[in-house]
């Protein structure tokens, strides 16, 4: 992670590399958390496509959103 003026910002390249190598299936995300500036997932879209991964919105509770994650077959 890289320090910024206000809080931490996740290094996007490292995040996606770790996502691929660790075979992550679910992500608990908050737009107000460390991943908020990097991912910017939008639950109303349903399935967000980013850097060769799909993030499917499953559930929201308060500031937290649960996404199912998988590697996109076509790389989008």
Protein backbone atom coordinates (compact mmCIF):
# COMPACT_ATOMS: atom_id res chain seq x y z
CA UNK A 1 0.00 0.00 0.00
CA UNK A 2 1.09 3.55 -0.67
CA UNK A 3 0.64 6.40 1.82
CA UNK A 4 -1.30 9.39 0.52
CA UNK A 5 -2.26 12.68 2.16
CA UNK A 6 -5.40 11.25 3.77
CA UNK A 7 -5.15 7.61 4.74
CA UNK A 8 -3.87 4.70 2.70
CA UNK A 9 -4.43 3.95 -0.95
CA UNK A 10 -4.06 0.40 -2.22
CA UNK A 11 -1.57 -0.12 -5.04
CA UNK A 12 -3.89 -1.28 -7.82
CA UNK A 13 -1.26 -3.39 -9.65
CA UNK A 14 -0.40 -5.31 -6.49
CA UNK A 15 -4.08 -5.75 -5.59
CA UNK A 16 -4.96 -7.36 -8.94
CA UNK A 17 -1.82 -9.50 -8.91
CA UNK A 18 -2.75 -10.79 -5.44
CA UNK A 19 -6.37 -11.26 -6.52
CA UNK A 20 -5.24 -13.56 -9.33
CA UNK A 21 -2.67 -15.52 -7.34
CA UNK A 22 -4.84 -16.06 -4.26
CA UNK A 23 -7.97 -17.20 -6.16
CA UNK A 24 -10.25 -14.81 -4.23
CA UNK A 25 -13.93 -15.73 -4.61
CA UNK A 26 -15.62 -12.98 -2.56
CA UNK A 27 -14.74 -9.40 -1.67
CA UNK A 28 -16.18 -7.29 1.14
CA UNK A 29 -15.82 -3.73 -0.09
CA UNK A 30 -16.57 -0.23 1.20
CA UNK A 31 -16.19 2.84 -1.01
CA UNK A 32 -14.96 4.60 2.15
CA UNK A 33 -12.20 2.02 2.81
CA UNK A 34 -8.68 1.49 1.49
CA UNK A 35 -9.96 0.04 -1.81
CA UNK A 36 -12.47 2.85 -2.42
CA UNK A 37 -10.19 5.05 -4.50
CA UNK A 38 -8.75 2.15 -6.51
CA UNK A 39 -11.81 0.05 -7.35
CA UNK A 40 -14.79 2.41 -7.34
CA UNK A 41 -17.25 -0.47 -7.63
CA UNK A 42 -20.84 0.53 -8.33
CA UNK A 43 -23.47 -1.90 -6.96
CA UNK A 44 -26.23 -0.61 -9.25
CA UNK A 45 -24.28 -1.86 -12.29
CA UNK A 46 -24.61 -5.47 -11.11
CA UNK A 47 -21.40 -6.85 -12.61
CA UNK A 48 -18.44 -4.48 -12.68
CA UNK A 49 -15.59 -5.38 -15.07
CA UNK A 50 -12.09 -4.25 -14.18
CA UNK A 51 -8.53 -5.31 -15.07
CA UNK A 52 -9.56 -8.75 -16.28
CA UNK A 53 -11.89 -9.51 -13.35
CA UNK A 54 -15.63 -9.48 -12.80
CA UNK A 55 -17.14 -8.21 -9.55
CA UNK A 56 -20.79 -9.20 -9.15
CA UNK A 57 -22.70 -7.27 -6.48
CA UNK A 58 -24.40 -9.74 -4.11
CA UNK A 59 -25.41 -7.79 -1.00
CA UNK A 60 -25.17 -4.40 0.71
CA UNK A 61 -25.30 -3.71 4.44
CA UNK A 62 -24.52 -0.19 5.59
CA UNK A 63 -21.29 1.02 4.01
CA UNK A 64 -20.27 -2.54 3.05
CA UNK A 65 -20.91 -4.34 -0.22
CA UNK A 66 -20.27 -8.02 -0.92
CA UNK A 67 -19.07 -8.99 -4.41
CA UNK A 68 -18.48 -12.38 -6.00
CA UNK A 69 -15.17 -12.24 -7.89
CA UNK A 70 -13.90 -14.23 -10.87
CA UNK A 71 -11.36 -13.86 -13.65
CA UNK A 72 -13.00 -12.72 -16.88
CA UNK A 73 -12.55 -15.13 -19.76
CA UNK A 74 -11.94 -12.42 -22.36
CA UNK A 75 -9.77 -10.23 -20.08
CA UNK A 76 -12.27 -7.37 -19.73
